[in-house]
PDB file of N, CA and C in Angstrom:
ATOM      1  N   MET A   1      56.005 -32.493  42.103  1.00  0.00           N
ATOM      2  CA  MET A   1      55.055 -31.171  41.388  1.00  0.00           C
ATOM      3  C   MET A   1      54.723 -29.755  41.984  1.00  0.00           C
ATOM      4  N   SER A   2      53.514 -29.608  42.132  1.00  0.00           N
ATOM      5  CA  SER A   2      53.651 -28.393  42.772  1.00  0.00           C
ATOM      6  C   SER A   2      51.767 -28.509  43.465  1.00  0.00           C
ATOM      7  N   TRP A   3      51.973 -28.061  44.250  1.00  0.00           N
ATOM      8  CA  TRP A   3      50.545 -27.754  44.845  1.00  0.00           C
ATOM      9  C   TRP A   3      49.695 -26.441  44.244  1.00  0.00           C
ATOM     10  N   SER A   4      50.097 -26.132  42.824  1.00  0.00           N
ATOM     11  CA  SER A   4      49.410 -25.242  42.419  1.00  0.00           C
ATOM     12  C   SER A   4      48.780 -25.650  41.406  1.00  0.00           C
ATOM     13  N   ARG A   5      48.674 -27.057  41.196  1.00  0.00           N
ATOM     14  CA  ARG A   5      48.023 -27.897  40.134  1.00  0.00           C
ATOM     15  C   ARG A   5      46.831 -27.171  40.335  1.00  0.00           C
ATOM     16  N   GLN A   6      45.824 -27.654  38.861  1.00  0.00           N
ATOM     17  CA  GLN A   6      44.650 -26.970  39.119  1.00  0.00           C
ATOM     18  C   GLN A   6      43.631 -28.436  38.622  1.00  0.00           C
ATOM     19  N   PHE A   7      42.447 -28.122  39.444  1.00  0.00           N
ATOM     20  CA  PHE A   7      41.348 -29.665  38.835  1.00  0.00           C
ATOM     21  C   PHE A   7      41.087 -29.145  37.390  1.00  0.00           C
ATOM     22  N   ASP A   8      40.677 -30.300  36.763  1.00  0.00           N
ATOM     23  CA  ASP A   8      40.266 -29.926  35.238  1.00  0.00           C
ATOM     24  C   ASP A   8      38.527 -29.022  35.135  1.00  0.00           C
ATOM     25  N   ASP A   9      37.666 -29.274  36.407  1.00  0.00           N
ATOM     26  CA  ASP A   9      36.818 -28.980  36.403  1.00  0.00           C
ATOM     27  C   ASP A   9      36.712 -28.328  38.015  1.00  0.00           C
ATOM     28  N   PRO A  10      36.795 -27.053  38.134  1.00  0.00           N
ATOM     29  CA  PRO A  10      36.601 -26.915  39.691  1.00  0.00           C
ATOM     30  C   PRO A  10      35.835 -27.593  40.755  1.00  0.00           C
ATOM     31  N   ILE A  11      35.885 -27.573  41.746  1.00  0.00           N
ATOM     32  CA  ILE A  11      34.761 -28.155  42.950  1.00  0.00           C
ATOM     33  C   ILE A  11      34.029 -26.831  43.271  1.00  0.00           C
ATOM     34  N   ILE A  12      32.825 -27.186  43.491  1.00  0.00           N
ATOM     35  CA  ILE A  12      31.620 -25.873  43.942  1.00  0.00           C
ATOM     36  C   ILE A  12      31.211 -26.849  45.105  1.00  0.00           C
ATOM     37  N   LEU A  13      31.492 -25.848  46.017  1.00  0.00           N
ATOM     38  CA  LEU A  13      31.734 -26.054  47.560  1.00  0.00           C
ATOM     39  C   LEU A  13      29.525 -25.610  47.683  1.00  0.00           C
ATOM     40  N   PRO A  14      28.992 -26.286  48.791  1.00  0.00           N
ATOM     41  CA  PRO A  14      27.707 -26.542  48.829  1.00  0.00           C
ATOM     42  C   PRO A  14      27.493 -24.781  49.295  1.00  0.00           C
ATOM     43  N   ASN A  15      28.396 -23.812  49.885  1.00  0.00           N
ATOM     44  CA  ASN A  15      28.366 -22.577  49.789  1.00  0.00           C
ATOM     45  C   ASN A  15      28.706 -21.782  48.635  1.00  0.00           C
ATOM     46  N   GLY A  16      28.784 -22.377  47.524  1.00  0.00           N
ATOM     47  CA  GLY A  16      28.907 -21.474  46.388  1.00  0.00           C
ATOM     48  C   GLY A  16      30.526 -20.696  45.572  1.00  0.00           C
ATOM     49  N   LYS A  17      31.529 -21.358  46.648  1.00  0.00           N
ATOM     50  CA  LYS A  17      32.756 -20.923  46.766  1.00  0.00           C
ATOM     51  C   LYS A  17      33.356 -22.415  45.605  1.00  0.00           C
ATOM     52  N   LYS A  18      34.368 -21.998  45.196  1.00  0.00           N
ATOM     53  CA  LYS A  18      35.034 -22.961  44.079  1.00  0.00           C
ATOM     54  C   LYS A  18      36.403 -23.167  44.269  1.00  0.00           C
ATOM     55  N   LEU A  19      36.944 -24.382  44.342  1.00  0.00           N
ATOM     56  CA  LEU A  19      38.506 -25.135  44.661  1.00  0.00           C
ATOM     57  C   LEU A  19      38.697 -25.195  43.941  1.00  0.00           C
ATOM     58  N   ARG A  20      39.852 -24.465  43.295  1.00  0.00           N
ATOM     59  CA  ARG A  20      40.514 -24.666  41.909  1.00  0.00           C
ATOM     60  C   ARG A  20      41.849 -25.334  41.918  1.00  0.00           C
ATOM     61  N   THR A  21      42.379 -25.093  42.800  1.00  0.00           N
ATOM     62  CA  THR A  21      43.909 -25.715  43.302  1.00  0.00           C
ATOM     63  C   THR A  21      44.050 -26.609  44.158  1.00  0.00           C
ATOM     64  N   LEU A  22      45.121 -27.631  44.132  1.00  0.00           N
ATOM     65  CA  LEU A  22      45.455 -28.626  45.043  1.00  0.00           C
ATOM     66  C   LEU A  22      45.983 -28.096  46.721  1.00  0.00           C
ATOM     67  N   LYS A  23      46.391 -26.669  46.470  1.00  0.00           N
ATOM     68  CA  LYS A  23      46.257 -26.026  48.099  1.00  0.00           C
ATOM     69  C   LYS A  23      44.980 -25.760  48.154  1.00  0.00           C
ATOM     70  N   ASP A  24      43.811 -24.812  47.477  1.00  0.00           N
ATOM     71  CA  ASP A  24      42.715 -24.386  47.836  1.00  0.00           C
ATOM     72  C   ASP A  24      41.910 -25.876  48.458  1.00  0.00           C
ATOM     73  N   ALA A  25      42.260 -27.469  48.025  1.00  0.00           N
ATOM     74  CA  ALA A  25      41.642 -28.250  48.529  1.00  0.00           C
ATOM     75  C   ALA A  25      42.282 -28.983  49.852  1.00  0.00           C
ATOM     76  N   ILE A  26      43.451 -28.716  50.050  1.00  0.00           N
ATOM     77  CA  ILE A  26      44.134 -29.089  51.490  1.00  0.00           C
ATOM     78  C   ILE A  26      43.812 -27.513  52.198  1.00  0.00           C
ATOM     79  N   ALA A  27      43.563 -27.080  52.356  1.00  0.00           N
ATOM     80  CA  ALA A  27      43.277 -25.605  52.736  1.00  0.00           C
ATOM     81  C   ALA A  27      42.034 -25.674  53.368  1.00  0.00           C
ATOM     82  N   TRP A  28      41.069 -25.698  52.349  1.00  0.00           N
ATOM     83  CA  TRP A  28      39.923 -26.212  52.884  1.00  0.00           C
ATOM     84  C   TRP A  28      39.469 -27.520  53.636  1.00  0.00           C
ATOM     85  N   LEU A  29      40.520 -28.802  53.654  1.00  0.00           N
ATOM     86  CA  LEU A  29      40.116 -30.250  54.746  1.00  0.00           C
ATOM     87  C   LEU A  29      40.823 -29.197  56.074  1.00  0.00           C
ATOM     88  N   ALA A  30      41.746 -28.965  55.899  1.00  0.00           N
ATOM     89  CA  ALA A  30      42.268 -28.222  57.226  1.00  0.00           C
ATOM     90  C   ALA A  30      41.716 -27.036  58.088  1.00  0.00           C
ATOM     91  N   LYS A  31      40.972 -26.178  57.510  1.00  0.00           N
ATOM     92  CA  LYS A  31      40.082 -24.846  58.158  1.00  0.00           C
ATOM     93  C   LYS A  31      38.740 -25.629  58.116  1.00  0.00           C
ATOM     94  N   GLU A  32      37.509 -26.307  57.302  1.00  0.00           N
ATOM     95  CA  GLU A  32      36.320 -25.888  57.043  1.00  0.00           C
ATOM     96  C   GLU A  32      36.077 -27.339  57.803  1.00  0.00           C
ATOM     97  N   VAL A  33      36.798 -28.698  57.730  1.00  0.00           N
ATOM     98  CA  VAL A  33      36.333 -29.916  58.401  1.00  0.00           C
ATOM     99  C   VAL A  33      36.909 -30.183  59.877  1.00  0.00           C
ATOM    100  N   PRO A  34      35.873 -30.058  60.594  1.00  0.00           N
ATOM    101  CA  PRO A  34      35.908 -30.268  62.122  1.00  0.00           C
ATOM    102  C   PRO A  34      37.155 -30.840  62.612  1.00  0.00           C
ATOM    103  N   LYS A  35      37.924 -30.889  63.730  1.00  0.00           N
ATOM    104  CA  LYS A  35      39.110 -31.485  63.856  1.00  0.00           C
ATOM    105  C   LYS A  35      38.548 -32.954  64.405  1.00  0.00           C
ATOM    106  N   SER A  36      37.049 -33.302  64.870  1.00  0.00           N
ATOM    107  CA  SER A  36      36.728 -34.646  65.379  1.00  0.00           C
ATOM    108  C   SER A  36      36.224 -34.957  64.361  1.00  0.00           C
ATOM    109  N   GLU A  37      36.464 -34.823  63.301  1.00  0.00           N
ATOM    110  CA  GLU A  37      35.962 -35.246  61.675  1.00  0.00           C
ATOM    111  C   GLU A  37      37.470 -35.539  60.969  1.00  0.00           C
ATOM    112  N   HIS A  38      38.606 -34.929  61.334  1.00  0.00           N
ATOM    113  CA  HIS A  38      39.197 -35.528  60.440  1.00  0.00           C
ATOM    114  C   HIS A  38      40.003 -37.146  60.270  1.00  0.00           C
ATOM    115  N   GLY A  39      39.628 -37.552  61.516  1.00  0.00           N
ATOM    116  CA  GLY A  39      39.538 -39.286  61.515  1.00  0.00           C
ATOM    117  C   GLY A  39      38.592 -40.248  60.471  1.00  0.00           C
ATOM    118  N   MET A  40      37.197 -39.405  59.413  1.00  0.00           N
ATOM    119  CA  MET A  40      36.488 -40.187  59.132  1.00  0.00           C
ATOM    120  C   MET A  40      37.526 -40.563  58.067  1.00  0.00           C
ATOM    121  N   LYS A  41      37.205 -41.498  57.103  1.00  0.00           N
ATOM    122  CA  LYS A  41      38.181 -42.690  56.142  1.00  0.00           C
ATOM    123  C   LYS A  41      37.651 -41.525  54.827  1.00  0.00           C
ATOM    124  N   GLN A  42      36.864 -40.845  54.783  1.00  0.00           N
ATOM    125  CA  GLN A  42      36.847 -39.902  53.518  1.00  0.00           C
ATOM    126  C   GLN A  42      37.523 -38.911  53.367  1.00  0.00           C
ATOM    127  N   VAL A  43      37.617 -37.966  54.978  1.00  0.00           N
ATOM    128  CA  VAL A  43      38.648 -37.164  54.595  1.00  0.00           C
ATOM    129  C   VAL A  43      39.982 -37.928  54.631  1.00  0.00           C
ATOM    130  N   GLN A  44      40.308 -38.335  55.240  1.00  0.00           N
ATOM    131  CA  GLN A  44      41.661 -39.469  55.359  1.00  0.00           C
ATOM    132  C   GLN A  44      42.390 -39.324  54.006  1.00  0.00           C
ATOM    133  N   ALA A  45      41.039 -40.045  53.231  1.00  0.00           N
ATOM    134  CA  ALA A  45      41.535 -40.691  51.710  1.00  0.00           C
ATOM    135  C   ALA A  45      41.500 -39.457  50.888  1.00  0.00           C
ATOM    136  N   ALA A  46      40.674 -38.054  50.680  1.00  0.00           N
ATOM    137  CA  ALA A  46      41.162 -36.865  50.697  1.00  0.00           C
ATOM    138  C   ALA A  46      42.067 -36.386  50.138  1.00  0.00           C
ATOM    139  N   ALA A  47      42.594 -36.292  51.726  1.00  0.00           N
ATOM    140  CA  ALA A  47      43.822 -35.932  52.174  1.00  0.00           C
ATOM    141  C   ALA A  47      44.939 -36.293  51.492  1.00  0.00           C
ATOM    142  N   HIS A  48      44.986 -37.653  51.582  1.00  0.00           N
ATOM    143  CA  HIS A  48      46.110 -38.819  51.130  1.00  0.00           C
ATOM    144  C   HIS A  48      45.759 -38.296  49.629  1.00  0.00           C
ATOM    145  N   CYS A  49      45.162 -38.342  48.823  1.00  0.00           N
ATOM    146  CA  CYS A  49      44.645 -37.679  47.303  1.00  0.00           C
ATOM    147  C   CYS A  49      45.496 -36.977  46.731  1.00  0.00           C
ATOM    148  N   VAL A  50      45.054 -35.911  47.815  1.00  0.00           N
ATOM    149  CA  VAL A  50      45.067 -34.539  47.470  1.00  0.00           C
ATOM    150  C   VAL A  50      47.024 -34.363  47.363  1.00  0.00           C
ATOM    151  N   THR A  51      47.359 -35.029  48.602  1.00  0.00           N
ATOM    152  CA  THR A  51      48.763 -34.735  48.576  1.00  0.00           C
ATOM    153  C   THR A  51      49.570 -35.577  47.542  1.00  0.00           C
ATOM    154  N   GLU A  52      49.165 -37.303  47.148  1.00  0.00           N
ATOM    155  CA  GLU A  52      49.958 -37.754  46.211  1.00  0.00           C
ATOM    156  C   GLU A  52      49.426 -36.954  44.879  1.00  0.00           C
ATOM    157  N   ALA A  53      48.803 -36.206  44.528  1.00  0.00           N
ATOM    158  CA  ALA A  53      48.636 -35.690  43.250  1.00  0.00           C
ATOM    159  C   ALA A  53      49.828 -34.345  43.257  1.00  0.00           C
ATOM    160  N   ALA A  54      49.611 -33.887  44.698  1.00  0.00           N
ATOM    161  CA  ALA A  54      50.836 -32.246  44.733  1.00  0.00           C
ATOM    162  C   ALA A  54      51.881 -32.988  45.218  1.00  0.00           C
ATOM    163  N   GLU A  55      52.701 -33.603  45.464  1.00  0.00           N
ATOM    164  CA  GLU A  55      54.115 -34.185  45.719  1.00  0.00           C
ATOM    165  C   GLU A  55      54.485 -34.893  44.550  1.00  0.00           C
ATOM    166  N   ASN A  56      53.515 -36.287  44.474  1.00  0.00           N
ATOM    167  CA  ASN A  56      54.133 -37.224  43.786  1.00  0.00           C
ATOM    168  C   ASN A  56      53.642 -37.214  42.360  1.00  0.00           C
ATOM    169  N   ASN A  57      52.962 -36.290  41.505  1.00  0.00           N
ATOM    170  CA  ASN A  57      52.283 -36.470  40.232  1.00  0.00           C
ATOM    171  C   ASN A  57      51.223 -37.483  40.466  1.00  0.00           C
ATOM    172  N   GLY A  58      50.605 -37.622  41.535  1.00  0.00           N
ATOM    173  CA  GLY A  58      49.760 -38.693  41.490  1.00  0.00           C
ATOM    174  C   GLY A  58      48.161 -37.535  40.536  1.00  0.00           C
ATOM    175  N   LEU A  59      47.180 -39.002  39.826  1.00  0.00           N
ATOM    176  CA  LEU A  59      46.166 -38.175  39.551  1.00  0.00           C
ATOM    177  C   LEU A  59      44.909 -37.183  40.107  1.00  0.00           C
ATOM    178  N   MET A  60      45.098 -36.485  40.060  1.00  0.00           N
ATOM    179  CA  MET A  60      44.202 -35.304  39.888  1.00  0.00           C
ATOM    180  C   MET A  60      42.690 -35.834  39.964  1.00  0.00           C
ATOM    181  N   MET A  61      42.072 -36.551  38.651  1.00  0.00           N
ATOM    182  CA  MET A  61      40.940 -37.569  39.364  1.00  0.00           C
ATOM    183  C   MET A  61      40.405 -38.086  40.629  1.00  0.00           C
ATOM    184  N   PHE A  62      41.347 -38.387  40.701  1.00  0.00           N
ATOM    185  CA  PHE A  62      41.345 -38.812  42.643  1.00  0.00           C
ATOM    186  C   PHE A  62      41.584 -38.113  43.341  1.00  0.00           C
ATOM    187  N   ALA A  63      42.214 -37.297  43.587  1.00  0.00           N
ATOM    188  CA  ALA A  63      42.210 -36.049  43.806  1.00  0.00           C
ATOM    189  C   ALA A  63      40.601 -35.282  44.313  1.00  0.00           C
ATOM    190  N   TRP A  64      40.574 -35.067  42.925  1.00  0.00           N
ATOM    191  CA  TRP A  64      39.084 -35.054  42.878  1.00  0.00           C
ATOM    192  C   TRP A  64      37.357 -35.642  43.262  1.00  0.00           C
ATOM    193  N   ILE A  65      37.644 -36.400  43.594  1.00  0.00           N
ATOM    194  CA  ILE A  65      37.081 -37.967  43.702  1.00  0.00           C
ATOM    195  C   ILE A  65      37.271 -37.644  44.918  1.00  0.00           C
ATOM    196  N   GLY A  66      38.244 -37.830  45.404  1.00  0.00           N
ATOM    197  CA  GLY A  66      38.368 -37.841  47.245  1.00  0.00           C
ATOM    198  C   GLY A  66      37.978 -36.724  47.862  1.00  0.00           C
ATOM    199  N   MET A  67      38.069 -35.435  47.072  1.00  0.00           N
ATOM    200  CA  MET A  67      37.404 -34.147  48.080  1.00  0.00           C
ATOM    201  C   MET A  67      35.755 -34.056  47.838  1.00  0.00           C
ATOM    202  N   MET A  68      35.458 -34.675  46.381  1.00  0.00           N
ATOM    203  CA  MET A  68      33.922 -34.706  46.487  1.00  0.00           C
ATOM    204  C   MET A  68      33.108 -35.881  47.790  1.00  0.00           C
ATOM    205  N   GLN A  69      33.947 -36.536  48.146  1.00  0.00           N
ATOM    206  CA  GLN A  69      33.491 -37.765  49.563  1.00  0.00           C
ATOM    207  C   GLN A  69      33.684 -37.105  50.342  1.00  0.00           C
ATOM    208  N   ALA A  70      34.672 -35.794  50.526  1.00  0.00           N
ATOM    209  CA  ALA A  70      35.143 -35.853  51.745  1.00  0.00           C
ATOM    210  C   ALA A  70      33.703 -34.317  52.017  1.00  0.00           C
ATOM    211  N   ILE A  71      33.456 -33.671  50.864  1.00  0.00           N
ATOM    212  CA  ILE A  71      32.592 -32.645  50.809  1.00  0.00           C
ATOM    213  C   ILE A  71      31.045 -33.175  51.278  1.00  0.00           C
ATOM    214  N   ASN A  72      30.861 -34.693  51.260  1.00  0.00           N
ATOM    215  CA  ASN A  72      29.727 -34.844  50.917  1.00  0.00           C
ATOM    216  C   ASN A  72      29.417 -36.393  52.088  1.00  0.00           C
ATOM    217  N   ARG A  73      30.288 -35.918  52.856  1.00  0.00           N
ATOM    218  CA  ARG A  73      31.087 -37.383  53.666  1.00  0.00           C
ATOM    219  C   ARG A  73      29.494 -37.490  55.124  1.00  0.00           C
ATOM    220  N   ARG A  74      28.510 -36.782  55.222  1.00  0.00           N
ATOM    221  CA  ARG A  74      27.655 -36.371  55.850  1.00  0.00           C
ATOM    222  C   ARG A  74      26.626 -36.926  55.419  1.00  0.00           C
ATOM    223  N   ARG A  75      26.217 -36.616  54.097  1.00  0.00           N
ATOM    224  CA  ARG A  75      25.171 -36.865  53.017  1.00  0.00           C
ATOM    225  C   ARG A  75      24.678 -38.267  53.014  1.00  0.00           C
ATOM    226  N   VAL A  76      23.289 -38.460  53.363  1.00  0.00           N
ATOM    227  CA  VAL A  76      23.040 -40.189  53.731  1.00  0.00           C
ATOM    228  C   VAL A  76      22.502 -40.789  51.785  1.00  0.00           C
ATOM    229  N   LYS A  77      23.226 -41.629  52.032  1.00  0.00           N
ATOM    230  CA  LYS A  77      23.305 -42.278  50.289  1.00  0.00           C
ATOM    231  C   LYS A  77      21.828 -42.694  50.509  1.00  0.00           C
ATOM    232  N   GLU A  78      21.072 -41.983  48.965  1.00  0.00           N
ATOM    233  CA  GLU A  78      19.801 -42.441  49.156  1.00  0.00           C
ATOM    234  C   GLU A  78      19.595 -43.109  47.620  1.00  0.00           C
ATOM    235  N   PHE A  79      18.969 -44.495  47.906  1.00  0.00           N
ATOM    236  CA  PHE A  79      18.752 -45.451  46.396  1.00  0.00           C
ATOM    237  C   PHE A  79      16.960 -45.518  46.442  1.00  0.00           C
ATOM    238  N   THR A  80      16.849 -45.071  44.941  1.00  0.00           N
ATOM    239  CA  THR A  80      15.591 -44.851  44.686  1.00  0.00           C
ATOM    240  C   THR A  80      14.809 -46.196  44.220  1.00  0.00           C
ATOM    241  N   SER A  81      13.806 -46.158  43.756  1.00  0.00           N
ATOM    242  CA  SER A  81      13.352 -47.829  44.051  1.00  0.00           C
ATOM    243  C   SER A  81      13.062 -48.171  42.571  1.00  0.00           C
ATOM    244  N   ARG A  82      13.462 -49.021  41.771  1.00  0.00           N
ATOM    245  CA  ARG A  82      13.491 -49.116  40.441  1.00  0.00           C
ATOM    246  C   ARG A  82      12.358 -49.267  39.994  1.00  0.00           C
ATOM    247  N   LYS A  83      11.929 -49.580  38.911  1.00  0.00           N
ATOM    248  CA  LYS A  83      10.528 -50.196  38.371  1.00  0.00           C
ATOM    249  C   LYS A  83      10.165 -51.567  38.479  1.00  0.00           C
ATOM    250  N   THR A  84       9.003 -51.545  38.837  1.00  0.00           N
ATOM    251  CA  THR A  84       9.143 -53.207  39.393  1.00  0.00           C
ATOM    252  C   THR A  84       8.619 -53.933  38.056  1.00  0.00           C
ATOM    253  N   THR A  85       9.519 -55.560  37.792  1.00  0.00           N
ATOM    254  CA  THR A  85      10.049 -56.252  37.087  1.00  0.00           C
ATOM    255  C   THR A  85       8.187 -57.111  36.730  1.00  0.00           C
ATOM    256  N   HIS A  86       7.848 -57.353  35.505  1.00  0.00           N
ATOM    257  CA  HIS A  86       7.052 -58.422  35.040  1.00  0.00           C
ATOM    258  C   HIS A  86       6.860 -59.723  35.392  1.00  0.00           C
ATOM    259  N   TRP A  87       8.220 -60.331  35.851  1.00  0.00           N
ATOM    260  CA  TRP A  87       8.832 -61.576  35.781  1.00  0.00           C
ATOM    261  C   TRP A  87       7.406 -62.391  36.753  1.00  0.00           C
ATOM    262  N   GLY A  88       6.946 -61.432  37.908  1.00  0.00           N
ATOM    263  CA  GLY A  88       6.379 -62.429  38.472  1.00  0.00           C
ATOM    264  C   GLY A  88       5.061 -62.280  38.043  1.00  0.00           C
ATOM    265  N   LYS A  89       4.399 -61.797  37.238  1.00  0.00           N
ATOM    266  CA  LYS A  89       3.639 -62.012  36.729  1.00  0.00           C
ATOM    267  C   LYS A  89       2.934 -62.601  35.278  1.00  0.00           C
ATOM    268  N   ARG A  90       4.122 -63.590  34.683  1.00  0.00           N
ATOM    269  CA  ARG A  90       4.376 -64.403  34.006  1.00  0.00           C
ATOM    270  C   ARG A  90       3.637 -65.478  34.125  1.00  0.00           C
ATOM    271  N   LYS A  91       3.041 -66.061  33.145  1.00  0.00           N
ATOM    272  CA  LYS A  91       2.363 -68.124  33.831  1.00  0.00           C
ATOM    273  C   LYS A  91       3.137 -68.635  32.634  1.00  0.00           C
ATOM    274  N   LEU A  92       3.843 -69.647  33.413  1.00  0.00           N
ATOM    275  CA  LEU A  92       3.733 -71.143  32.387  1.00  0.00           C
ATOM    276  C   LEU A  92       2.965 -71.167  31.636  1.00  0.00           C
ATOM    277  N   ALA A  93       3.631 -72.077  30.509  1.00  0.00           N
ATOM    278  CA  ALA A  93       2.251 -72.754  29.561  1.00  0.00           C
ATOM    279  C   ALA A  93       1.573 -73.709  30.329  1.00  0.00           C
ATOM    280  N   THR A  94       2.258 -74.635  31.541  1.00  0.00           N
ATOM    281  CA  THR A  94       1.955 -75.368  31.922  1.00  0.00           C
ATOM    282  C   THR A  94       0.721 -75.198  33.188  1.00  0.00           C
ATOM    283  N   ASP A  95       0.607 -73.299  33.880  1.00  0.00           N
ATOM    284  CA  ASP A  95       0.121 -72.958  34.236  1.00  0.00           C
ATOM    285  C   ASP A  95      -1.205 -72.874  33.634  1.00  0.00           C
ATOM    286  N   ARG A  96      -1.209 -73.145  32.326  1.00  0.00           N
ATOM    287  CA  ARG A  96      -2.658 -72.367  31.372  1.00  0.00           C
ATOM    288  C   ARG A  96      -4.003 -73.316  31.671  1.00  0.00           C
TER     289      ARG A  96
END
């Protein structure tokens, strides 16, 4: 296949630029990710998925997901607290 394959939806970077092709994606990984972070699993996975999509007709969705993980590699995952349940407030019939 080709490095000119385009993503279904372009990847929008935090600075507003867009990655439209696999060539753009791999160039961004090589240029913008510091060399000290090239060994991170998110960056390695993104590079692998983009290369697979370009050279072996791999799935573009995997390349897109890999790139999103590489872009957000330093973002802390935040989990919101869920609504409290009423289970602890119920009383059994024997407790009445």
